Amino acid sequence: MSLDMDVEKQKNNPLHGITLETIVTKLVEAYGWEDLSIAVPINCFKDNPSINSSLKFLRKTPWARAKLESFFLYAVRKGKCTI
């Protein structure tokens, strides 16, 4: 696959260029750990949460990352977070 095709695929991806760390940080700033753990019920947000431990878990767990990214897009649409 050529670079031009990769760029074309990402053109409509609202998360393109946004790091996972940025997503977690913005959500924690907007909601706090407790509310984030309710909205996205993942243990890394409930049990002694930190940015680093959450990133470690989310990078290894595609289903959890997908849930978080989906919630981030929801929060952006609702005006709680900005891209």
C-alpha atoms as a PDB file:
ATOM      1  CA  MET A   1       0.000   0.000   0.000  1.00  0.00           C
ATOM      2  CA  SER A   2       1.401   3.372  -0.941  1.00  0.00           C
ATOM      3  CA  LEU A   3       1.717   6.398   1.308  1.00  0.00           C
ATOM      4  CA  ASP A   4      -0.915   8.254  -0.739  1.00  0.00           C
ATOM      5  CA  MET A   5      -3.431   5.486  -0.046  1.00  0.00           C
ATOM      6  CA  ASP A   6      -2.652   5.597   3.697  1.00  0.00           C
ATOM      7  CA  VAL A   7      -3.204   9.361   3.783  1.00  0.00           C
ATOM      8  CA  GLU A   8      -6.451   8.975   1.865  1.00  0.00           C
ATOM      9  CA  LYS A   9      -7.694   6.343   4.333  1.00  0.00           C
ATOM     10  CA  GLN A  10      -6.945   8.609   7.295  1.00  0.00           C
ATOM     11  CA  LYS A  11      -8.540  11.721   5.792  1.00  0.00           C
ATOM     12  CA  ASN A  12     -11.909  10.946   7.385  1.00  0.00           C
ATOM     13  CA  ASN A  13     -10.530   9.572  10.650  1.00  0.00           C
ATOM     14  CA  PRO A  14     -11.169  12.194  13.370  1.00  0.00           C
ATOM     15  CA  LEU A  15      -8.585  10.546  15.639  1.00  0.00           C
ATOM     16  CA  HIS A  16      -5.777  10.730  13.081  1.00  0.00           C
ATOM     17  CA  GLY A  17      -2.779  12.463  14.634  1.00  0.00           C
ATOM     18  CA  ILE A  18      -4.127  12.357  18.193  1.00  0.00           C
ATOM     19  CA  THR A  19      -2.075  10.265  20.593  1.00  0.00           C
ATOM     20  CA  LEU A  20      -3.616   7.855  23.067  1.00  0.00           C
ATOM     21  CA  GLU A  21      -1.947   9.854  25.844  1.00  0.00           C
ATOM     22  CA  THR A  22      -3.727  13.003  24.669  1.00  0.00           C
ATOM     23  CA  ILE A  23      -7.079  11.198  24.634  1.00  0.00           C
ATOM     24  CA  VAL A  24      -6.644   9.839  28.169  1.00  0.00           C
ATOM     25  CA  THR A  25      -5.359  13.155  29.510  1.00  0.00           C
ATOM     26  CA  LYS A  26      -8.194  15.196  28.003  1.00  0.00           C
ATOM     27  CA  LEU A  27     -10.831  12.778  29.275  1.00  0.00           C
ATOM     28  CA  VAL A  28      -9.367  12.774  32.788  1.00  0.00           C
ATOM     29  CA  GLU A  29      -9.279  16.591  32.755  1.00  0.00           C
ATOM     30  CA  ALA A  30     -12.903  16.762  31.590  1.00  0.00           C
ATOM     31  CA  TYR A  31     -14.414  13.969  33.701  1.00  0.00           C
ATOM     32  CA  GLY A  32     -11.978  12.934  36.405  1.00  0.00           C
ATOM     33  CA  TRP A  33     -11.022   9.322  37.079  1.00  0.00           C
ATOM     34  CA  GLU A  34     -14.221   8.394  38.912  1.00  0.00           C
ATOM     35  CA  ASP A  35     -16.639   9.612  36.253  1.00  0.00           C
ATOM     36  CA  LEU A  36     -14.415   8.245  33.494  1.00  0.00           C
ATOM     37  CA  SER A  37     -14.487   4.807  35.148  1.00  0.00           C
ATOM     38  CA  ILE A  38     -18.299   4.973  35.155  1.00  0.00           C
ATOM     39  CA  ALA A  39     -18.532   6.089  31.526  1.00  0.00           C
ATOM     40  CA  VAL A  40     -15.897   3.602  30.341  1.00  0.00           C
ATOM     41  CA  PRO A  41     -15.985   0.740  32.871  1.00  0.00           C
ATOM     42  CA  ILE A  42     -12.417  -0.497  32.613  1.00  0.00           C
ATOM     43  CA  ASN A  43     -10.446  -1.481  35.717  1.00  0.00           C
ATOM     44  CA  CYS A  44      -7.431   0.648  34.786  1.00  0.00           C
ATOM     45  CA  PHE A  45      -9.635   3.697  35.458  1.00  0.00           C
ATOM     46  CA  LYS A  46     -11.052   2.318  38.717  1.00  0.00           C
ATOM     47  CA  ASP A  47      -8.208   0.710  40.646  1.00  0.00           C
ATOM     48  CA  ASN A  48      -5.370   3.132  41.501  1.00  0.00           C
ATOM     49  CA  PRO A  49      -5.566   4.920  38.131  1.00  0.00           C
ATOM     50  CA  SER A  50      -2.746   6.829  36.497  1.00  0.00           C
ATOM     51  CA  ILE A  51      -2.046   8.029  32.985  1.00  0.00           C
ATOM     52  CA  ASN A  52       0.943   5.682  32.585  1.00  0.00           C
ATOM     53  CA  SER A  53      -0.784   2.540  33.879  1.00  0.00           C
ATOM     54  CA  SER A  54      -3.835   3.275  31.740  1.00  0.00           C
ATOM     55  CA  LEU A  55      -1.710   3.775  28.627  1.00  0.00           C
ATOM     56  CA  LYS A  56       0.123   0.524  29.265  1.00  0.00           C
ATOM     57  CA  PHE A  57      -3.151  -1.397  29.515  1.00  0.00           C
ATOM     58  CA  LEU A  58      -4.875   0.353  26.600  1.00  0.00           C
ATOM     59  CA  ARG A  59      -1.946  -0.239  24.234  1.00  0.00           C
ATOM     60  CA  LYS A  60      -2.163  -3.981  24.885  1.00  0.00           C
ATOM     61  CA  THR A  61      -5.959  -4.243  24.828  1.00  0.00           C
ATOM     62  CA  PRO A  62      -7.609  -3.285  21.527  1.00  0.00           C
ATOM     63  CA  TRP A  63     -11.218  -3.645  22.752  1.00  0.00           C
ATOM     64  CA  ALA A  64     -10.560  -1.281  25.682  1.00  0.00           C
ATOM     65  CA  ARG A  65      -8.832   1.252  23.439  1.00  0.00           C
ATOM     66  CA  ALA A  66     -11.779   1.135  21.030  1.00  0.00           C
ATOM     67  CA  LYS A  67     -14.200   1.843  23.892  1.00  0.00           C
ATOM     68  CA  LEU A  68     -12.105   4.768  25.069  1.00  0.00           C
ATOM     69  CA  GLU A  69     -11.741   6.240  21.577  1.00  0.00           C
ATOM     70  CA  SER A  70     -15.481   5.927  21.019  1.00  0.00           C
ATOM     71  CA  PHE A  71     -16.189   7.713  24.295  1.00  0.00           C
ATOM     72  CA  PHE A  72     -13.673  10.419  23.417  1.00  0.00           C
ATOM     73  CA  LEU A  73     -15.468  11.102  20.119  1.00  0.00           C
ATOM     74  CA  TYR A  74     -18.765  11.246  22.032  1.00  0.00           C
ATOM     75  CA  ALA A  75     -17.241  13.729  24.511  1.00  0.00           C
ATOM     76  CA  VAL A  76     -15.953  15.881  21.635  1.00  0.00           C
ATOM     77  CA  ARG A  77     -19.409  15.913  20.013  1.00  0.00           C
ATOM     78  CA  LYS A  78     -20.965  16.914  23.354  1.00  0.00           C
ATOM     79  CA  GLY A  79     -18.425  19.699  23.815  1.00  0.00           C
ATOM     80  CA  LYS A  80     -16.734  18.214  26.904  1.00  0.00           C
ATOM     81  CA  CYS A  81     -13.381  17.742  25.099  1.00  0.00           C
ATOM     82  CA  THR A  82     -11.684  19.410  22.185  1.00  0.00           C
ATOM     83  CA  ILE A  83      -9.528  17.885  19.499  1.00  0.00           C
END
